[in-house]
C-alpha atoms as a PDB file:
ATOM      1  CA  MET A   1       0.000   0.000   0.000  1.00  0.00           C
ATOM      2  CA  LYS A   2       2.820   2.374   0.880  1.00  0.00           C
ATOM      3  CA  THR A   3       4.476   1.657  -2.479  1.00  0.00           C
ATOM      4  CA  LEU A   4       1.242   2.490  -4.298  1.00  0.00           C
ATOM      5  CA  LYS A   5       0.964   5.843  -2.471  1.00  0.00           C
ATOM      6  CA  LEU A   6       4.550   6.715  -3.362  1.00  0.00           C
ATOM      7  CA  PHE A   7       3.966   5.749  -6.990  1.00  0.00           C
ATOM      8  CA  VAL A   8       0.813   7.883  -7.250  1.00  0.00           C
ATOM      9  CA  THR A   9       2.563  10.812  -5.555  1.00  0.00           C
ATOM     10  CA  GLY A  10       5.438  10.496  -8.013  1.00  0.00           C
ATOM     11  CA  LEU A  11       3.066  10.489 -10.971  1.00  0.00           C
ATOM     12  CA  CYS A  12       1.353  13.613  -9.658  1.00  0.00           C
ATOM     13  CA  LEU A  13       4.671  15.401  -9.300  1.00  0.00           C
ATOM     14  CA  VAL A  14       5.766  14.415 -12.801  1.00  0.00           C
ATOM     15  CA  GLY A  15       2.412  15.492 -14.235  1.00  0.00           C
ATOM     16  CA  THR A  16       2.567  18.846 -12.461  1.00  0.00           C
ATOM     17  CA  THR A  17       6.119  19.415 -13.672  1.00  0.00           C
ATOM     18  CA  LEU A  18       5.105  18.675 -17.256  1.00  0.00           C
ATOM     19  CA  LEU A  19       2.187  21.111 -17.073  1.00  0.00           C
ATOM     20  CA  VAL A  20       4.335  23.898 -15.648  1.00  0.00           C
ATOM     21  CA  ALA A  21       7.108  23.215 -18.144  1.00  0.00           C
ATOM     22  CA  GLU A  22       4.923  24.256 -21.084  1.00  0.00           C
ATOM     23  CA  THR A  23       6.318  27.517 -22.401  1.00  0.00           C
ATOM     24  CA  LEU A  24       3.782  30.088 -23.498  1.00  0.00           C
ATOM     25  CA  PRO A  25       4.492  32.985 -25.851  1.00  0.00           C
ATOM     26  CA  THR A  26       5.134  36.082 -23.736  1.00  0.00           C
ATOM     27  CA  ALA A  27       3.631  38.507 -26.230  1.00  0.00           C
ATOM     28  CA  GLY A  28       0.657  38.522 -28.526  1.00  0.00           C
ATOM     29  CA  PRO A  29      -2.654  36.725 -28.331  1.00  0.00           C
ATOM     30  CA  LEU A  30      -2.780  33.068 -27.379  1.00  0.00           C
ATOM     31  CA  PRO A  31      -4.642  30.597 -29.572  1.00  0.00           C
ATOM     32  CA  PHE A  32      -7.915  29.118 -28.319  1.00  0.00           C
ATOM     33  CA  ASN A  33      -6.504  25.610 -27.826  1.00  0.00           C
ATOM     34  CA  THR A  34      -3.851  26.958 -25.426  1.00  0.00           C
ATOM     35  CA  TYR A  35      -6.650  27.824 -23.000  1.00  0.00           C
ATOM     36  CA  ASP A  36      -8.955  24.881 -23.769  1.00  0.00           C
ATOM     37  CA  LYS A  37      -6.936  22.198 -21.996  1.00  0.00           C
ATOM     38  CA  ASP A  38      -9.721  19.599 -21.944  1.00  0.00           C
ATOM     39  CA  ASN A  39     -10.575  20.127 -25.642  1.00  0.00           C
ATOM     40  CA  ASN A  40     -14.296  20.580 -25.014  1.00  0.00           C
ATOM     41  CA  GLN A  41     -14.467  23.643 -27.310  1.00  0.00           C
ATOM     42  CA  VAL A  42     -15.066  26.143 -24.468  1.00  0.00           C
ATOM     43  CA  ILE A  43     -12.750  27.887 -22.011  1.00  0.00           C
ATOM     44  CA  THR A  44     -13.800  27.778 -18.381  1.00  0.00           C
ATOM     45  CA  LYS A  45     -12.833  30.437 -15.851  1.00  0.00           C
ATOM     46  CA  LYS A  46     -10.511  27.902 -14.225  1.00  0.00           C
ATOM     47  CA  GLU A  47      -8.711  27.225 -17.531  1.00  0.00           C
ATOM     48  CA  PHE A  48      -8.506  30.951 -18.329  1.00  0.00           C
ATOM     49  CA  ASP A  49      -7.160  31.914 -14.904  1.00  0.00           C
ATOM     50  CA  ALA A  50      -4.590  29.086 -14.926  1.00  0.00           C
ATOM     51  CA  ILE A  51      -3.129  30.144 -18.291  1.00  0.00           C
ATOM     52  CA  LYS A  52      -3.201  33.824 -17.334  1.00  0.00           C
ATOM     53  CA  ALA A  53      -1.319  33.080 -14.094  1.00  0.00           C
ATOM     54  CA  GLN A  54       1.156  30.849 -15.899  1.00  0.00           C
ATOM     55  CA  ARG A  55       1.865  33.540 -18.486  1.00  0.00           C
ATOM     56  CA  MET A  56       2.361  36.219 -15.811  1.00  0.00           C
ATOM     57  CA  THR A  57       4.693  33.938 -13.846  1.00  0.00           C
ATOM     58  CA  GLN A  58       6.666  33.141 -16.969  1.00  0.00           C
ATOM     59  CA  LYS A  59       7.040  36.847 -17.835  1.00  0.00           C
ATOM     60  CA  PHE A  60       8.217  37.582 -14.294  1.00  0.00           C
ATOM     61  CA  GLN A  61      10.737  34.721 -14.380  1.00  0.00           C
ATOM     62  CA  ASP A  62      12.031  35.943 -17.755  1.00  0.00           C
ATOM     63  CA  GLY A  63      12.652  39.362 -16.198  1.00  0.00           C
ATOM     64  CA  ARG A  64      10.137  41.078 -18.452  1.00  0.00           C
ATOM     65  CA  LEU A  65       8.491  44.292 -17.387  1.00  0.00           C
ATOM     66  CA  MET A  66       5.058  43.800 -15.901  1.00  0.00           C
ATOM     67  CA  LYS A  67       3.689  47.159 -17.030  1.00  0.00           C
ATOM     68  CA  ASN A  68      -0.033  47.169 -17.712  1.00  0.00           C
ATOM     69  CA  ALA A  69      -0.443  43.785 -15.978  1.00  0.00           C
ATOM     70  CA  GLY A  70      -3.402  45.279 -14.132  1.00  0.00           C
ATOM     71  CA  ASN A  71      -5.019  46.122 -17.456  1.00  0.00           C
ATOM     72  CA  SER A  72      -4.999  42.563 -18.758  1.00  0.00           C
ATOM     73  CA  PRO A  73      -8.450  41.300 -19.713  1.00  0.00           C
ATOM     74  CA  THR A  74     -10.517  39.381 -17.214  1.00  0.00           C
ATOM     75  CA  PHE A  75     -12.662  36.347 -17.915  1.00  0.00           C
ATOM     76  CA  LEU A  76     -15.793  38.541 -17.884  1.00  0.00           C
ATOM     77  CA  ASP A  77     -14.249  40.938 -20.421  1.00  0.00           C
ATOM     78  CA  ILE A  78     -14.205  38.073 -22.917  1.00  0.00           C
ATOM     79  CA  ASP A  79     -17.297  36.081 -21.869  1.00  0.00           C
ATOM     80  CA  THR A  80     -19.664  38.570 -23.506  1.00  0.00           C
ATOM     81  CA  ASN A  81     -22.849  36.541 -23.047  1.00  0.00           C
ATOM     82  CA  VAL A  82     -21.939  35.841 -19.384  1.00  0.00           C
ATOM     83  CA  ASP A  83     -22.681  32.122 -19.564  1.00  0.00           C
ATOM     84  CA  GLY A  84     -19.547  31.143 -17.651  1.00  0.00           C
ATOM     85  CA  MET A  85     -17.723  29.880 -20.758  1.00  0.00           C
ATOM     86  CA  ILE A  86     -15.642  31.523 -23.473  1.00  0.00           C
ATOM     87  CA  THR A  87     -16.265  30.228 -26.979  1.00  0.00           C
ATOM     88  CA  LYS A  88     -13.769  30.412 -29.804  1.00  0.00           C
ATOM     89  CA  GLU A  89     -15.877  33.183 -31.356  1.00  0.00           C
ATOM     90  CA  GLU A  90     -15.858  35.247 -28.147  1.00  0.00           C
ATOM     91  CA  LEU A  91     -12.080  34.912 -27.803  1.00  0.00           C
ATOM     92  CA  THR A  92     -11.474  35.783 -31.458  1.00  0.00           C
ATOM     93  CA  ASN A  93     -13.790  38.813 -31.270  1.00  0.00           C
ATOM     94  CA  HIS A  94     -12.065  40.035 -28.106  1.00  0.00           C
ATOM     95  CA  GLN A  95      -8.579  39.589 -29.570  1.00  0.00           C
ATOM     96  CA  GLN A  96      -9.585  41.415 -32.760  1.00  0.00           C
ATOM     97  CA  LYS A  97     -11.104  44.261 -30.732  1.00  0.00           C
ATOM     98  CA  ARG A  98      -7.909  44.671 -28.683  1.00  0.00           C
ATOM     99  CA  PHE A  99      -5.785  44.573 -31.837  1.00  0.00           C
ATOM    100  CA  ASN A 100      -7.915  47.296 -33.439  1.00  0.00           C
ATOM    101  CA  GLN A 101      -7.685  49.426 -30.271  1.00  0.00           C
ATOM    102  CA  ARG A 102      -3.889  49.195 -30.329  1.00  0.00           C
ATOM    103  CA  ILE A 103      -3.735  50.099 -34.022  1.00  0.00           C
ATOM    104  CA  ASN A 104      -6.002  53.104 -33.466  1.00  0.00           C
ATOM    105  CA  GLN A 105      -3.906  54.187 -30.484  1.00  0.00           C
ATOM    106  CA  GLN A 106      -0.712  53.943 -32.541  1.00  0.00           C
ATOM    107  CA  ASN A 107      -2.269  55.889 -35.410  1.00  0.00           C
ATOM    108  CA  ASN A 108      -3.410  58.608 -33.028  1.00  0.00           C
ATOM    109  CA  MET A 109       0.081  58.854 -31.553  1.00  0.00           C
ATOM    110  CA  LYS A 110       1.553  59.257 -35.054  1.00  0.00           C
ATOM    111  CA  LYS A 111      -0.930  62.066 -35.773  1.00  0.00           C
ATOM    112  CA  GLY A 112       0.117  63.891 -32.638  1.00  0.00           C
ATOM    113  CA  MET A 113      -3.108  63.096 -30.829  1.00  0.00           C
ATOM    114  CA  GLY A 114      -1.448  61.244 -27.997  1.00  0.00           C
ATOM    115  CA  GLN A 115      -0.721  62.753 -24.623  1.00  0.00           C
ATOM    116  CA  GLY A 116       2.268  65.014 -24.908  1.00  0.00           C
ATOM    117  CA  ARG A 117       3.758  67.906 -23.068  1.00  0.00           C
ATOM    118  CA  ASN A 118       1.320  70.402 -24.660  1.00  0.00           C
ATOM    119  CA  GLN A 119      -1.702  68.672 -23.154  1.00  0.00           C
END
């Protein structure tokens, strides 16, 4: 019995190490299947929060700046119909919206519409 407990504990440790060892991209949007770990075609809050935490930890360990970390999207920002699940369509729409916001912000900065010393 003791051997079985040790074996199961060892498997759990190996499994946890393998999950943590997955390297996520530190910039840019993540694909849907990165979040959807159980492949059921929806992202749960638990899956979303786990990947978000893993990405933040990875950025910190890589010594990357954590600016705007407080502005990162929440589960509810993406789950637009508030059903407790993020679909591929909801994630894609959210990512496209954020991309467009960044492009517009960059264009405004180029036109001199950003915050500068004259404002």
